[in-house]
Protein backbone atom coordinates (compact mmCIF):
# COMPACT_ATOMS: atom_id res chain seq x y z
CA UNK A 1 75.01 151.56 40.44
CA UNK A 2 71.77 151.10 38.51
CA UNK A 3 71.20 152.63 35.13
CA UNK A 4 68.67 155.46 35.26
CA UNK A 5 66.89 154.12 32.19
CA UNK A 6 63.93 151.89 33.03
CA UNK A 7 62.99 148.74 31.11
CA UNK A 8 59.19 148.44 31.13
CA UNK A 9 57.67 145.05 30.21
CA UNK A 10 54.17 143.50 30.08
CA UNK A 11 53.09 139.87 29.89
CA UNK A 12 49.57 139.54 28.43
CA UNK A 13 48.52 136.09 29.64
CA UNK A 14 45.14 134.40 29.21
CA UNK A 15 44.01 134.98 32.80
CA UNK A 16 46.73 137.15 34.28
CA UNK A 17 48.46 140.33 33.13
CA UNK A 18 51.89 140.95 34.62
CA UNK A 19 54.02 144.08 34.42
CA UNK A 20 57.43 145.00 35.78
CA UNK A 21 59.96 147.79 35.70
CA UNK A 22 63.62 146.72 35.50
CA UNK A 23 66.87 148.64 35.57
CA UNK A 24 70.46 147.79 34.63
CA UNK A 25 73.60 147.77 36.74
CA UNK A 26 76.86 149.19 35.46
CA UNK A 27 77.88 145.59 34.73
CA UNK A 28 74.78 144.95 32.61
CA UNK A 29 72.84 142.83 35.13
CA UNK A 30 69.10 143.24 35.57
CA UNK A 31 67.54 144.89 38.65
CA UNK A 32 63.85 144.39 39.40
CA UNK A 33 62.49 147.71 40.66
CA UNK A 34 58.77 146.95 40.92
CA UNK A 35 56.15 144.58 39.54
CA UNK A 36 52.42 143.89 39.69
CA UNK A 37 49.92 141.25 38.56
CA UNK A 38 46.27 141.74 37.61
CA UNK A 39 43.85 138.81 37.37
CA UNK A 40 41.19 138.63 34.65
CA UNK A 41 37.96 136.99 35.77
CA UNK A 42 35.95 134.60 33.64
CA UNK A 43 36.73 131.61 31.45
CA UNK A 44 39.95 132.33 29.47
CA UNK A 45 38.75 130.11 26.64
CA UNK A 46 35.91 132.55 25.81
CA UNK A 47 37.42 134.82 23.15
CA UNK A 48 34.46 137.24 23.07
CA UNK A 49 35.36 138.71 26.48
CA UNK A 50 39.13 138.59 26.02
CA UNK A 51 39.83 142.09 24.65
CA UNK A 52 37.53 144.06 27.04
CA UNK A 53 39.02 142.24 30.04
CA UNK A 54 42.54 142.79 28.71
CA UNK A 55 41.88 146.51 28.29
CA UNK A 56 40.68 146.86 31.89
CA UNK A 57 43.56 144.76 33.28
CA UNK A 58 46.29 146.65 31.39
CA UNK A 59 44.81 150.02 32.37
CA UNK A 60 44.62 148.94 36.01
CA UNK A 61 48.19 147.67 36.16
CA UNK A 62 49.44 150.73 34.26
CA UNK A 63 47.80 152.94 36.87
CA UNK A 64 49.31 151.00 39.78
CA UNK A 65 52.84 151.08 38.34
CA UNK A 66 52.47 154.58 36.82
CA UNK A 67 53.42 153.40 33.35
CA UNK A 68 51.54 156.04 31.35
CA UNK A 69 53.88 157.71 28.89
CA UNK A 70 56.43 154.88 28.95
CA UNK A 71 57.52 152.54 26.16
CA UNK A 72 57.34 148.80 26.77
CA UNK A 73 58.02 145.36 25.37
CA UNK A 74 55.14 142.94 25.82
CA UNK A 75 54.56 139.23 25.20
CA UNK A 76 51.49 137.51 23.76
CA UNK A 77 50.34 134.03 24.79
CA UNK A 78 51.85 131.05 22.97
CA UNK A 79 48.51 129.57 21.90
CA UNK A 80 47.65 132.73 19.92
CA UNK A 81 50.77 132.43 17.73
CA UNK A 82 51.42 129.92 14.94
CA UNK A 83 54.83 128.30 15.54
CA UNK A 84 56.63 125.92 13.20
CA UNK A 85 60.19 124.53 13.26
CA UNK A 86 61.67 124.15 9.78
CA UNK A 87 65.01 122.69 8.67
CA UNK A 88 66.82 124.65 5.95
CA UNK A 89 69.32 123.15 3.51
CA UNK A 90 72.86 124.57 3.44
CA UNK A 91 72.55 128.03 1.92
CA UNK A 92 74.66 131.19 1.74
CA UNK A 93 73.89 133.95 4.23
CA UNK A 94 72.68 136.38 1.59
CA UNK A 95 69.92 133.99 0.50
CA UNK A 96 68.65 132.97 3.93
CA UNK A 97 65.87 135.58 4.00
CA UNK A 98 64.54 134.44 0.62
CA UNK A 99 64.58 130.76 1.60
CA UNK A 100 62.87 131.45 4.93
CA UNK A 101 60.17 133.58 3.29
CA UNK A 102 59.51 130.75 0.86
CA UNK A 103 59.16 128.31 3.78
CA UNK A 104 56.90 130.77 5.58
CA UNK A 105 54.56 130.98 2.60
CA UNK A 106 54.42 127.18 2.49
CA UNK A 107 53.88 126.60 6.21
CA UNK A 108 51.90 129.55 7.60
CA UNK A 109 48.17 128.71 7.22
CA UNK A 110 47.24 132.31 6.31
CA UNK A 111 48.12 134.62 3.41
CA UNK A 112 51.56 135.99 4.19
CA UNK A 113 50.40 139.59 3.72
CA UNK A 114 47.77 139.13 6.45
CA UNK A 115 50.19 138.11 9.20
CA UNK A 116 53.07 139.54 11.17
CA UNK A 117 55.86 136.94 11.15
CA UNK A 118 59.52 136.47 12.03
CA UNK A 119 62.11 133.71 12.32
CA UNK A 120 65.20 132.79 14.33
CA UNK A 121 67.87 130.10 14.06
CA UNK A 122 67.57 127.56 16.90
CA UNK A 123 70.33 125.08 16.05
CA UNK A 124 74.13 125.44 15.93
CA UNK A 125 75.70 126.89 12.80
CA UNK A 126 78.21 124.05 12.43
CA UNK A 127 75.60 121.57 11.17
CA UNK A 128 74.95 121.05 7.44
CA UNK A 129 71.25 121.75 7.97
CA UNK A 130 70.10 124.59 10.16
CA UNK A 131 66.78 124.73 11.93
CA UNK A 132 64.72 127.90 12.25
CA UNK A 133 61.57 128.63 14.19
CA UNK A 134 58.85 130.46 12.26
CA UNK A 135 56.33 132.48 14.30
CA UNK A 136 53.28 134.19 12.80
CA UNK A 137 50.16 135.91 14.08
CA UNK A 138 47.19 137.38 12.26
CA UNK A 139 47.80 141.11 11.89
CA UNK A 140 44.23 141.99 12.86
CA UNK A 141 44.48 140.04 16.11
CA UNK A 142 47.87 141.55 16.92
CA UNK A 143 46.63 145.08 16.16
CA UNK A 144 43.60 144.57 18.42
CA UNK A 145 45.85 143.56 21.33
CA UNK A 146 48.23 146.43 20.64
CA UNK A 147 45.32 148.89 20.69
CA UNK A 148 44.45 147.81 24.25
CA UNK A 149 48.04 148.38 25.39
CA UNK A 150 48.30 151.78 23.70
CA UNK A 151 44.91 152.80 25.14
CA UNK A 152 46.40 152.50 28.64
CA UNK A 153 49.03 155.14 27.81
CA UNK A 154 51.89 152.68 27.17
CA UNK A 155 53.64 152.86 23.79
CA UNK A 156 54.92 149.69 22.13
CA UNK A 157 58.65 149.08 21.87
CA UNK A 158 58.37 145.47 20.63
CA UNK A 159 56.27 142.29 20.82
CA UNK A 160 57.68 138.90 21.82
CA UNK A 161 55.93 135.57 22.41
CA UNK A 162 55.74 133.89 25.81
CA UNK A 163 57.66 130.62 25.08
CA UNK A 164 60.77 132.34 23.66
CA UNK A 165 60.71 134.92 26.48
CA UNK A 166 60.71 132.06 29.02
CA UNK A 167 63.58 130.36 27.17
CA UNK A 168 65.67 133.55 27.28
CA UNK A 169 64.92 134.00 31.00
CA UNK A 170 65.97 130.39 31.70
CA UNK A 171 69.27 130.79 29.87
CA UNK A 172 69.94 133.98 31.87
CA UNK A 173 68.97 132.62 35.31
CA UNK A 174 70.30 129.03 34.93
CA UNK A 175 73.51 129.35 32.90
CA UNK A 176 75.06 126.31 34.59
CA UNK A 177 72.39 123.85 33.39
CA UNK A 178 73.87 121.86 30.50
CA UNK A 179 71.84 118.63 30.57
CA UNK A 180 68.67 118.29 28.43
CA UNK A 181 65.69 119.73 30.28
CA UNK A 182 62.19 121.01 29.66
CA UNK A 183 60.23 123.95 31.06
CA UNK A 184 56.53 123.23 31.53
CA UNK A 185 54.64 126.53 31.58
CA UNK A 186 51.24 125.68 33.11
CA UNK A 187 49.05 128.48 31.81
CA UNK A 188 45.32 129.14 32.19
CA UNK A 189 44.25 128.30 28.64
CA UNK A 190 47.15 126.15 27.46
CA UNK A 191 50.51 124.67 28.46
CA UNK A 192 53.78 125.64 26.78
CA UNK A 193 56.63 123.13 26.62
CA UNK A 194 60.09 124.65 26.10
CA UNK A 195 62.84 122.09 25.46
CA UNK A 196 66.35 123.27 26.25
CA UNK A 197 69.34 121.33 25.00
CA UNK A 198 72.92 122.18 24.13
CA UNK A 199 72.70 124.65 21.25
CA UNK A 200 69.09 123.68 20.55
CA UNK A 201 65.61 124.92 21.43
CA UNK A 202 62.15 123.57 20.68
CA UNK A 203 58.67 124.66 21.82
CA UNK A 204 55.18 123.24 21.53
CA UNK A 205 51.81 124.45 22.81
CA UNK A 206 49.26 122.03 24.31
CA UNK A 207 45.66 123.27 24.57
CA UNK A 208 45.21 121.87 28.07
CA UNK A 209 45.64 124.28 30.97
CA UNK A 210 44.26 125.51 34.23
CA UNK A 211 40.87 126.26 32.65
CA UNK A 212 40.59 122.57 31.73
CA UNK A 213 41.00 121.61 35.39
CA UNK A 214 38.49 124.28 36.44
CA UNK A 215 36.00 123.06 33.83
CA UNK A 216 36.29 119.49 35.14
CA UNK A 217 35.61 120.70 38.70
CA UNK A 218 32.62 122.76 37.53
CA UNK A 219 31.15 119.76 35.70
CA UNK A 220 31.75 117.28 38.52
CA UNK A 221 30.31 119.47 41.29
CA UNK A 222 27.73 121.36 39.19
CA UNK A 223 29.35 124.77 39.85
CA UNK A 224 29.80 127.92 37.83
CA UNK A 225 33.24 128.57 36.36
CA UNK A 226 34.05 131.29 38.90
CA UNK A 227 33.04 129.14 41.87
CA UNK A 228 34.99 126.17 40.51
CA UNK A 229 38.09 128.36 40.04
CA UNK A 230 37.77 129.60 43.63
CA UNK A 231 37.52 126.02 44.90
CA UNK A 232 40.60 125.01 42.91
CA UNK A 233 42.68 127.93 44.17
CA UNK A 234 41.61 127.79 47.84
CA UNK A 235 41.34 124.03 48.45
CA UNK A 236 42.63 122.26 45.36
CA UNK A 237 45.62 119.94 45.17
CA UNK A 238 46.56 116.88 43.14
CA UNK A 239 45.73 113.61 44.87
CA UNK A 240 48.88 111.58 45.39
CA UNK A 241 49.02 108.12 43.91
CA UNK A 242 49.90 104.85 45.59
CA UNK A 243 48.98 104.13 49.20
CA UNK A 244 48.72 107.76 50.36
CA UNK A 245 45.59 108.26 52.47
CA UNK A 246 42.83 110.54 51.19
CA UNK A 247 42.12 113.91 52.77
CA UNK A 248 39.97 113.74 55.92
CA UNK A 249 37.34 115.97 54.28
CA UNK A 250 35.45 113.84 51.69
CA UNK A 251 34.65 116.89 49.56
CA UNK A 252 38.28 117.97 49.34
CA UNK A 253 39.37 114.39 48.71
CA UNK A 254 36.94 114.13 45.78
CA UNK A 255 38.13 117.53 44.49
CA UNK A 256 41.75 116.35 44.53
CA UNK A 257 40.85 113.24 42.53
CA UNK A 258 39.05 115.29 39.88
CA UNK A 259 42.16 117.51 39.59
CA UNK A 260 44.41 114.45 39.33
CA UNK A 261 42.30 113.04 36.48
CA UNK A 262 42.65 116.32 34.53
CA UNK A 263 46.38 116.52 35.21
CA UNK A 264 46.75 112.89 34.10
CA UNK A 265 45.30 113.92 30.74
CA UNK A 266 47.87 116.74 30.58
CA UNK A 267 50.62 114.26 31.46
CA UNK A 268 49.57 112.10 28.50
CA UNK A 269 49.78 115.08 26.11
CA UNK A 270 53.20 116.05 27.49
CA UNK A 271 54.46 112.49 27.12
CA UNK A 272 53.36 112.42 23.47
CA UNK A 273 55.26 115.67 22.89
CA UNK A 274 58.36 114.15 24.53
CA UNK A 275 58.17 111.23 22.10
CA UNK A 276 57.65 113.57 19.12
CA UNK A 277 60.63 115.69 20.17
CA UNK A 278 62.88 112.66 20.35
CA UNK A 279 61.61 110.95 17.17
CA UNK A 280 61.04 113.91 14.83
CA UNK A 281 63.41 116.57 16.19
CA UNK A 282 66.30 114.34 17.17
CA UNK A 283 66.20 115.60 20.74
CA UNK A 284 67.22 113.86 23.95
CA UNK A 285 64.92 112.76 26.76
CA UNK A 286 64.72 115.54 29.40
CA UNK A 287 66.75 114.83 32.52
CA UNK A 288 65.29 117.74 34.52
CA UNK A 289 61.88 119.41 34.53
CA UNK A 290 61.16 123.00 35.58
CA UNK A 291 57.59 124.12 36.30
CA UNK A 292 56.40 127.69 35.83
CA UNK A 293 53.18 129.59 35.20
CA UNK A 294 50.07 129.94 37.34
CA UNK A 295 49.52 126.17 37.46
CA UNK A 296 52.76 125.73 39.42
CA UNK A 297 50.80 127.07 42.46
CA UNK A 298 48.72 123.87 42.57
CA UNK A 299 49.40 121.68 45.58
CA UNK A 300 51.61 118.60 45.00
CA UNK A 301 52.14 119.48 41.32
CA UNK A 302 55.90 118.92 41.66
CA UNK A 303 55.35 115.52 43.31
CA UNK A 304 52.81 114.58 40.59
CA UNK A 305 55.19 115.20 37.68
CA UNK A 306 58.08 113.62 39.55
CA UNK A 307 55.95 110.51 40.10
CA UNK A 308 54.95 110.41 36.41
CA UNK A 309 58.28 111.16 34.71
CA UNK A 310 60.76 109.72 37.25
CA UNK A 311 63.17 112.67 36.82
CA UNK A 312 63.97 115.62 39.13
CA UNK A 313 61.24 118.26 39.05
CA UNK A 314 61.55 121.76 40.52
CA UNK A 315 59.84 125.12 40.32
CA UNK A 316 61.47 127.58 37.92
CA UNK A 317 62.60 130.81 39.62
CA UNK A 318 63.11 133.43 36.89
CA UNK A 319 64.56 135.89 39.44
CA UNK A 320 67.47 133.61 40.29
CA UNK A 321 69.85 135.77 38.25
CA UNK A 322 68.10 139.11 38.83
CA UNK A 323 69.00 141.64 41.52
CA UNK A 324 66.16 143.13 43.57
CA UNK A 325 65.83 146.84 44.25
CA UNK A 326 65.45 148.06 47.82
CA UNK A 327 61.68 148.49 47.54
CA UNK A 328 61.04 144.89 46.41
CA UNK A 329 60.28 142.28 49.09
CA UNK A 330 62.72 139.38 48.40
CA UNK A 331 60.49 136.72 49.99
CA UNK A 332 57.40 137.71 48.01
CA UNK A 333 59.31 138.20 44.75
CA UNK A 334 61.07 134.82 44.89
CA UNK A 335 57.81 133.13 45.87
CA UNK A 336 56.35 134.46 42.62
CA UNK A 337 59.48 133.80 40.57
CA UNK A 338 57.72 131.08 38.56
CA UNK A 339 55.33 133.77 37.25
CA UNK A 340 58.14 136.10 36.17
CA UNK A 341 59.71 134.13 33.31
CA UNK A 342 58.12 136.15 30.51
CA UNK A 343 58.85 139.46 32.29
CA UNK A 344 62.55 138.66 32.77
CA UNK A 345 62.81 137.44 29.16
CA UNK A 346 61.21 140.65 27.91
CA UNK A 347 63.57 142.75 30.02
CA UNK A 348 66.47 140.96 28.36
CA UNK A 349 64.97 141.84 24.95
CA UNK A 350 64.67 145.47 26.01
CA UNK A 351 68.27 145.38 27.22
CA UNK A 352 69.37 143.88 23.90
CA UNK A 353 70.99 140.55 24.80
CA UNK A 354 69.06 137.32 24.10
CA UNK A 355 69.79 133.86 22.66
CA UNK A 356 66.50 133.85 20.70
CA UNK A 357 65.08 137.06 19.27
CA UNK A 358 61.79 136.83 17.38
CA UNK A 359 59.47 139.79 17.10
CA UNK A 360 55.91 140.42 15.94
CA UNK A 361 55.35 143.97 14.71
CA UNK A 362 51.89 145.63 14.91
CA UNK A 363 51.00 147.99 12.08
CA UNK A 364 51.23 151.07 14.32
CA UNK A 365 54.75 150.14 15.42
CA UNK A 366 55.82 149.44 11.83
CA UNK A 367 54.60 152.88 10.78
CA UNK A 368 56.43 154.53 13.67
CA UNK A 369 59.68 152.75 12.86
CA UNK A 370 59.39 153.65 9.19
CA UNK A 371 58.97 157.32 10.10
CA UNK A 372 62.01 157.11 12.39
CA UNK A 373 64.11 155.67 9.55
CA UNK A 374 63.11 158.53 7.30
CA UNK A 375 63.84 161.20 9.90
CA UNK A 376 67.60 161.57 9.11
CA UNK A 377 66.84 162.08 5.40
CA UNK A 378 64.20 164.66 6.28
CA UNK A 379 66.66 166.50 8.55
CA UNK A 380 69.29 166.51 5.82
CA UNK A 381 66.76 167.83 3.31
CA UNK A 382 65.87 170.58 5.74
CA UNK A 383 69.52 171.60 6.15
CA UNK A 384 69.97 171.72 2.38
CA UNK A 385 66.88 173.86 2.11
CA UNK A 386 68.23 176.33 4.65
CA UNK A 387 71.51 176.47 2.71
CA UNK A 388 69.66 177.34 -0.47
CA UNK A 389 67.67 179.99 1.38
CA UNK A 390 70.84 181.48 2.82
CA UNK A 391 72.40 181.72 -0.62
CA UNK A 392 69.26 183.29 -2.05
CA UNK A 393 68.99 186.38 0.17
CA UNK A 394 68.63 188.70 -2.78
CA UNK A 395 65.82 186.64 -4.20
CA UNK A 396 64.07 186.62 -0.84
CA UNK A 397 64.13 190.40 -0.65
CA UNK A 398 62.60 190.71 -4.10
CA UNK A 399 59.95 188.17 -3.15
CA UNK A 400 59.09 190.01 0.06
CA UNK A 401 56.34 192.00 -1.60
CA UNK A 402 54.75 188.87 -3.05
CA UNK A 403 54.94 187.16 0.32
CA UNK A 404 53.25 190.05 2.08
CA UNK A 405 50.50 190.01 -0.49
CA UNK A 406 50.02 186.31 0.11
CA UNK A 407 49.91 186.92 3.86
CA UNK A 408 47.12 189.43 3.36
CA UNK A 409 45.15 186.84 1.40
CA UNK A 410 45.71 184.23 4.08
CA UNK A 411 44.70 186.69 6.78
CA UNK A 412 41.46 187.37 4.93
CA UNK A 413 40.70 183.66 4.81
CA UNK A 414 41.61 183.37 8.48
CA UNK A 415 39.12 186.06 9.41
CA UNK A 416 36.38 184.19 7.56
CA UNK A 417 37.24 180.89 9.20
CA UNK A 418 37.26 182.50 12.66
CA UNK A 419 33.50 182.88 12.35
CA UNK A 420 33.23 179.13 12.67
CA UNK A 421 34.93 179.17 16.08
CA UNK A 422 31.71 179.52 18.07
CA UNK A 423 30.08 176.68 16.12
CA UNK A 424 33.05 174.43 16.80
CA UNK A 425 32.96 175.31 20.51
CA UNK A 426 29.26 174.44 20.63
CA UNK A 427 29.89 171.11 18.95
CA UNK A 428 32.72 170.42 21.41
CA UNK A 429 30.26 170.97 24.24
CA UNK A 430 27.82 168.52 22.68
CA UNK A 431 30.68 166.06 22.29
CA UNK A 432 31.48 166.30 26.00
CA UNK A 433 27.82 165.63 26.83
CA UNK A 434 27.85 162.55 24.62
CA UNK A 435 31.06 161.36 26.28
CA UNK A 436 29.38 161.65 29.68
CA UNK A 437 26.42 159.61 28.43
CA UNK A 438 28.70 156.97 26.92
CA UNK A 439 30.54 156.68 30.23
CA UNK A 440 27.27 155.57 31.83
CA UNK A 441 26.74 153.03 29.07
CA UNK A 442 30.29 151.74 29.52
CA UNK A 443 29.67 151.38 33.24
CA UNK A 444 26.51 149.39 32.50
CA UNK A 445 28.42 147.12 30.10
CA UNK A 446 31.13 146.51 32.68
CA UNK A 447 28.48 145.56 35.26
CA UNK A 448 26.42 143.39 32.91
CA UNK A 449 27.73 140.18 34.44
CA UNK A 450 25.82 141.04 37.65
CA UNK A 451 22.48 139.98 36.14
CA UNK A 452 23.94 136.96 34.40
CA UNK A 453 25.34 135.68 37.70
CA UNK A 454 22.15 136.49 39.57
CA UNK A 455 19.92 134.63 37.06
CA UNK A 456 22.33 131.69 37.11
CA UNK A 457 22.08 131.66 40.92
CA UNK A 458 18.25 131.61 40.72
CA UNK A 459 18.34 128.78 38.20
CA UNK A 460 20.58 126.65 40.45
CA UNK A 461 18.07 126.85 43.31
CA UNK A 462 15.31 124.84 41.55
CA UNK A 463 15.20 121.27 42.93
CA UNK A 464 12.21 120.00 40.89
CA UNK A 465 10.13 120.81 37.84
CA UNK A 466 6.91 121.74 39.69
CA UNK A 467 7.44 125.46 39.33
CA UNK A 468 8.91 127.89 36.85
CA UNK A 469 9.46 131.61 36.55
CA UNK A 470 7.67 133.56 33.86
CA UNK A 471 8.76 137.12 34.64
CA UNK A 472 11.74 138.61 36.48
CA UNK A 473 12.21 142.35 36.97
CA UNK A 474 13.92 144.82 39.33
CA UNK A 475 11.79 147.30 41.28
CA UNK A 476 12.82 150.56 42.91
CA UNK A 477 10.35 151.81 45.54
CA UNK A 478 7.77 149.43 44.06
CA UNK A 479 8.16 150.79 40.52
CA UNK A 480 9.59 148.71 37.65
CA UNK A 481 13.05 149.79 36.48
CA UNK A 482 12.52 148.32 33.01
CA UNK A 483 10.15 149.43 30.29
CA UNK A 484 8.93 145.87 29.95
CA UNK A 485 9.20 142.78 32.10
CA UNK A 486 12.02 140.35 31.37
CA UNK A 487 10.14 137.40 29.86
CA UNK A 488 11.56 134.03 30.95
CA UNK A 489 8.68 131.91 29.67
CA UNK A 490 5.75 132.69 27.42
CA UNK A 491 3.17 134.97 29.02
CA UNK A 492 0.38 132.84 27.63
CA UNK A 493 0.99 130.32 30.40
CA UNK A 494 0.60 133.02 32.99
CA UNK A 495 -2.63 134.32 31.44
CA UNK A 496 -4.08 130.85 31.33
CA UNK A 497 -3.39 130.44 35.04
CA UNK A 498 -5.27 133.53 35.97
CA UNK A 499 -3.56 136.72 34.77
CA UNK A 500 -0.31 138.55 35.47
CA UNK A 501 -1.50 140.87 38.23
CA UNK A 502 0.53 141.19 41.43
CA UNK A 503 -0.38 139.07 44.45
CA UNK A 504 1.14 141.74 46.75
CA UNK A 505 -0.61 144.90 48.01
CA UNK A 506 -0.30 148.03 45.81
CA UNK A 507 3.00 150.01 46.00
CA UNK A 508 1.49 152.59 48.38
CA UNK A 509 0.51 149.88 50.86
CA UNK A 510 2.66 149.52 54.02
CA UNK A 511 5.91 147.59 53.47
CA UNK A 512 6.23 144.12 55.09
CA UNK A 513 7.24 144.35 58.72
CA UNK A 514 10.91 143.67 59.37
CA UNK A 515 11.79 143.19 55.70
CA UNK A 516 15.34 144.36 55.00
CA UNK A 517 16.07 146.46 51.93
CA UNK A 518 19.00 147.22 49.63
CA UNK A 519 19.57 150.96 49.45
CA UNK A 520 21.49 153.31 47.30
CA UNK A 521 21.59 157.10 47.13
CA UNK A 522 19.23 159.01 44.87
CA UNK A 523 19.81 162.53 43.68
CA UNK A 524 18.23 164.03 46.82
CA UNK A 525 19.91 161.61 49.24
CA UNK A 526 16.73 159.64 50.09
CA UNK A 527 17.18 155.87 50.58
CA UNK A 528 15.92 153.73 47.71
CA UNK A 529 14.37 150.27 48.13
CA UNK A 530 15.51 147.97 45.32
CA UNK A 531 13.83 144.56 45.03
CA UNK A 532 13.74 141.63 42.66
CA UNK A 533 10.22 140.65 41.62
CA UNK A 534 9.62 137.09 40.36
CA UNK A 535 6.29 135.95 38.90
CA UNK A 536 5.74 132.31 38.17
CA UNK A 537 3.53 129.25 38.09
CA UNK A 538 3.59 126.02 40.01
CA UNK A 539 1.74 123.01 38.77
CA UNK A 540 -0.50 120.80 40.81
CA UNK A 541 1.42 118.45 43.08
CA UNK A 542 1.12 116.55 46.35
CA UNK A 543 2.84 119.30 48.36
CA UNK A 544 0.77 122.15 46.98
CA UNK A 545 2.09 125.64 47.82
CA UNK A 546 4.97 124.19 49.86
CA UNK A 547 7.12 123.80 46.71
CA UNK A 548 6.94 127.60 46.27
CA UNK A 549 7.73 128.35 49.91
CA UNK A 550 10.67 125.94 49.92
CA UNK A 551 12.12 127.66 46.84
CA UNK A 552 11.64 131.08 48.48
CA UNK A 553 13.47 129.96 51.63
CA UNK A 554 16.53 128.95 49.62
CA UNK A 555 16.87 132.57 48.44
CA UNK A 556 18.05 133.55 51.94
CA UNK A 557 21.35 131.80 51.12
CA UNK A 558 21.85 133.71 47.87
CA UNK A 559 24.74 136.18 47.72
CA UNK A 560 22.43 138.60 45.88
CA UNK A 561 19.45 138.58 48.26
CA UNK A 562 19.15 140.53 51.53
CA UNK A 563 16.37 138.63 53.30
CA UNK A 564 17.80 136.84 56.38
CA UNK A 565 14.34 136.64 58.02
CA UNK A 566 12.56 135.05 55.07
CA UNK A 567 11.81 131.79 56.91
CA UNK A 568 10.17 133.49 59.90
CA UNK A 569 8.30 136.06 57.78
CA UNK A 570 7.68 134.03 54.64
CA UNK A 571 4.32 135.64 53.85
CA UNK A 572 5.96 139.07 53.69
CA UNK A 573 8.13 137.93 50.80
CA UNK A 574 6.12 135.19 49.06
CA UNK A 575 2.49 134.93 47.88
CA UNK A 576 0.99 131.85 46.21
CA UNK A 577 -2.51 130.85 45.16
CA UNK A 578 -3.90 127.77 46.82
CA UNK A 579 -3.76 124.79 44.44
CA UNK A 580 -7.24 123.38 45.12
CA UNK A 581 -9.11 123.97 41.87
CA UNK A 582 -9.80 120.80 39.94
CA UNK A 583 -10.11 122.67 36.64
CA UNK A 584 -6.66 124.30 36.75
CA UNK A 585 -3.31 122.79 35.98
CA UNK A 586 -1.11 125.56 37.38
CA UNK A 587 -1.34 128.33 40.01
CA UNK A 588 0.28 131.69 40.30
CA UNK A 589 2.90 132.75 42.82
CA UNK A 590 4.90 135.94 43.35
CA UNK A 591 8.15 136.47 45.27
CA UNK A 592 9.68 139.84 46.13
CA UNK A 593 13.06 139.97 47.84
CA UNK A 594 15.41 142.93 48.53
CA UNK A 595 18.78 142.94 46.76
CA UNK A 596 22.02 143.36 48.71
CA UNK A 597 24.04 145.45 46.24
CA UNK A 598 22.07 146.04 43.05
CA UNK A 599 23.47 147.79 39.96
CA UNK A 600 23.00 151.55 39.98
CA UNK A 601 20.34 152.49 37.43
CA UNK A 602 20.73 155.95 35.89
CA UNK A 603 18.43 157.84 33.56
């Protein structure tokens, strides 16, 4: 029968946030009750967008699993934590903490008072020397991450790191494995190697991951990061070596070769780590390899590593030793078992039984724990106080008059302060108004990538240097939505070519026949026509205006533009001056196209 107490855990990866709720059986085994994953879009190597995306992902997954008000363990990514393995000389147990702190001050590349750090023994106690793993993370960075978790309504119970959580999960789910092996955690931003050997553990982080593969695809095929990631996930696999025939689709075959080249680079880094582990750490060559993390989804990844290392390779299933609750689909859960290593390891930490226990403590959690330690002393002091009061009944009676006098004084002050109540209520109302305004600004910030992607899409549609855009702006019902035009190139070029006036009829003129529009709802329910207006110049060339019209036709394929009839009704969407003047170098053109799903603009 499962324990009624839930174990809530979060894994804060670089591109994926995972959360799960576990329970315990009467025998102490884990039961997975429910779990969810939330993907974070964008390049995981861009730190500037990391915290906002993390905040949204944690809030979303907290809402889906109804975690608000719970207390959770969570893990941070291995690349964000400084890890160092240090050998200690034989020393008595009462001096271990002092020796380790000395080593930490020597090895951690930051002032020790600016980091949260911990250590754990990772070698057997029967050796003369003992090895410890030191982990440290900048306190500011850890506090920033913790703030995003707490903002979602989840309180922190403890913070682990991904590699040690995976190690604990492996020891729990594969207790029978006694030969030297290595877990390769193929993450988005980096790859964690976790070496497992009898009585010994070693980890190393390699800054080559799924984003490296995606970046290679984007560079090779001239794609944006998001499009390259979609291609990798939907069609990507690692080309097999030897005499295996290529894929029948040339594009997919080329994609698989690009992926293989990136994975070959990762293989080289892993091989160097194998050699370092054997030469510097006295470890044995791995006889089995387990793959986990998001990269384990990639087609033929098992066959690739088996071909390279010539040892058995399999996908790590962290749920191998975990029972599944009735509401969890066994097929789906086991299919995603390679993504659950950190979650299972964190559940073991929450349960209180792990081979390796390191912990990073945010400032807020340290303060909370300190207050909890002081609570018994405060309770005892309170009891003593009540005892003194009970023994001083006579004194209390004599002091009654003084107390009543003091109450009268306090009441007088209270009456004066009550006059401020209306002012405070008014300020609270203003505060609510400001919160409503800030919500609109937050919505605009969250949607800011719309315009970045749209401008990138426009830029990718130029096939020559005969024309360029000088102004881009959104219009609603023919009226500009911005106070000023968005200047792409200097306006002086436009003026020299003949002014910046519109080549289209005035806004009150009839709209082009058959032109489709993007509509939203205004305050009175009337449909709104939202367009993208592009002003530009094209320089004299052999094709004349055709270079403008050809560019305009390509906009029909854009995911942002709603103009399927642009080729048949080109003049309704595109105007260009005839390039016949001998005394002019460039000629004006104007393109107006409706947008499919534009951002909502609010006053």
